[in-house]
Protein backbone atom coordinates (compact mmCIF):
# COMPACT_ATOMS: atom_id res chain seq x y z
CA MET A 1 15.87 -11.68 5.66
CA PRO A 2 16.04 -10.13 3.17
CA HIS A 3 14.94 -6.54 3.56
CA CYS A 4 13.73 -5.44 0.12
CA VAL A 5 13.67 -1.65 -0.23
CA ILE A 6 12.11 -0.49 -3.49
CA GLU A 7 12.71 3.09 -4.60
CA TYR A 8 10.62 4.34 -7.51
CA SER A 9 9.49 7.47 -9.32
CA THR A 10 5.97 8.37 -8.21
CA THR A 11 4.97 9.13 -11.79
CA LEU A 12 4.84 5.35 -12.23
CA GLY A 13 1.39 5.62 -10.67
CA ARG A 14 0.09 6.17 -14.19
CA GLN A 15 1.17 2.61 -15.06
CA LEU A 16 0.67 0.62 -11.84
CA SER A 17 0.31 0.82 -8.08
CA PRO A 18 3.24 0.76 -5.64
CA SER A 19 1.80 -2.43 -4.15
CA ALA A 20 2.39 -4.16 -7.51
CA LEU A 21 6.09 -3.21 -7.28
CA VAL A 22 6.28 -4.53 -3.73
CA MET A 23 4.65 -7.81 -4.69
CA ALA A 24 6.87 -8.29 -7.77
CA VAL A 25 10.07 -7.83 -5.76
CA HIS A 26 8.73 -9.90 -2.86
CA GLU A 27 7.77 -12.77 -5.16
CA GLY A 28 11.09 -12.58 -7.02
CA ALA A 29 12.96 -12.92 -3.71
CA ARG A 30 10.70 -15.79 -2.67
CA ASP A 31 11.10 -17.58 -6.00
CA SER A 32 14.90 -17.45 -5.65
CA GLY A 33 14.60 -20.31 -3.17
CA LEU A 34 17.05 -18.61 -0.81
CA PHE A 35 14.48 -17.43 1.74
CA GLY A 36 11.27 -18.52 3.36
CA GLU A 37 8.32 -16.28 2.52
CA ALA A 38 7.82 -15.32 6.18
CA ASP A 39 11.42 -14.04 6.31
CA ILE A 40 11.08 -11.55 3.44
CA LYS A 41 10.28 -7.94 4.29
CA SER A 42 9.43 -5.60 1.41
CA ARG A 43 8.61 -1.89 1.34
CA ALA A 44 8.55 0.93 -1.19
CA ILE A 45 9.59 4.57 -1.14
CA GLY A 46 8.34 6.91 -3.87
CA TYR A 47 10.25 9.93 -5.12
CA ASP A 48 8.51 12.96 -6.58
CA TYR A 49 11.79 14.55 -7.64
CA HIS A 50 14.66 12.75 -9.34
CA HIS A 51 17.17 13.27 -12.11
CA SER A 52 19.72 11.07 -13.84
CA GLY A 53 21.91 11.51 -16.90
CA GLY A 54 20.39 10.90 -20.29
CA PRO A 55 16.73 11.07 -21.23
CA SER A 56 14.25 11.55 -18.43
CA ARG A 57 12.44 8.34 -17.56
CA ASP A 58 10.79 6.62 -14.65
CA PHE A 59 12.83 4.29 -12.48
CA VAL A 60 12.59 1.40 -10.06
CA HIS A 61 15.61 0.48 -7.96
CA ALA A 62 15.39 -2.47 -5.58
CA THR A 63 18.00 -2.93 -2.87
CA LEU A 64 17.94 -6.37 -1.24
CA LYS A 65 19.78 -6.40 2.07
CA ILE A 66 20.72 -9.96 3.01
CA LEU A 67 22.76 -11.48 5.81
CA SER A 68 26.32 -12.21 4.75
CA GLY A 69 27.36 -15.69 3.72
CA ARG A 70 25.74 -16.16 0.30
CA THR A 71 27.93 -16.99 -2.66
CA PRO A 72 28.38 -14.53 -5.54
CA GLU A 73 26.43 -16.96 -7.73
CA GLN A 74 23.49 -16.96 -5.29
CA LYS A 75 23.50 -13.17 -5.18
CA ARG A 76 23.65 -12.87 -8.97
CA ALA A 77 20.77 -15.33 -9.30
CA LEU A 78 18.74 -13.40 -6.71
CA SER A 79 19.37 -10.11 -8.51
CA ALA A 80 18.40 -11.63 -11.86
CA ARG A 81 15.23 -13.21 -10.43
CA VAL A 82 14.05 -9.91 -8.96
CA LEU A 83 14.96 -7.98 -12.13
CA ASP A 84 12.97 -10.49 -14.19
CA ALA A 85 9.99 -10.08 -11.84
CA LEU A 86 10.10 -6.31 -12.30
CA ALA A 87 10.49 -6.63 -16.07
CA GLY A 88 7.43 -8.89 -16.06
CA LEU A 89 5.31 -5.93 -15.00
CA GLY A 90 5.57 -4.61 -18.57
CA LEU A 91 6.50 -1.04 -17.65
CA LYS A 92 7.50 1.28 -20.51
CA ASP A 93 10.23 3.93 -20.71
CA ILE A 94 11.76 2.86 -17.42
CA SER A 95 15.10 2.10 -15.82
CA LEU A 96 15.02 -1.08 -13.70
CA THR A 97 17.94 -1.85 -11.38
CA VAL A 98 18.58 -4.29 -8.55
CA ASP A 99 21.39 -4.35 -5.99
CA VAL A 100 22.09 -7.11 -3.47
CA VAL A 101 23.91 -5.87 -0.36
CA ASP A 102 25.43 -7.98 2.41
CA MET A 103 24.66 -7.12 6.03
CA GLU A 104 27.20 -8.32 8.56
CA ARG A 105 25.71 -11.13 10.65
CA GLU A 106 27.79 -10.05 13.64
CA CYS A 107 26.28 -6.55 13.58
CA TYR A 108 22.64 -7.21 12.67
CA ALA A 109 20.23 -6.96 15.59
CA LYS A 110 16.54 -7.78 15.73
CA ARG A 111 13.95 -7.55 18.46
CA LEU A 112 10.27 -8.50 18.37
CA ASP A 113 8.19 -7.38 21.34
């Protein structure tokens, strides 16, 4: 844990590669001190078409799915650490957002074959 799912506007390709987004979020999660590096899974999904209210701009939204049991303070710190990592990329005219979502331990299943 966590599963870091990064959604972004594909027009960001003019400023940086998707792998840079993945690494920024991954490193932000690692630097939170809540997870071992081997436990963090990060991936990105690009969107060609998107719209939100207000002026049109690129976006990055990171959802970090973590097993339940963390305190609100830990989750806020994780969100802030990842947001700071994304902001450190120096992107312009962009909306950066992070959400930390609990996954129920009792319902999560994993299998490695």
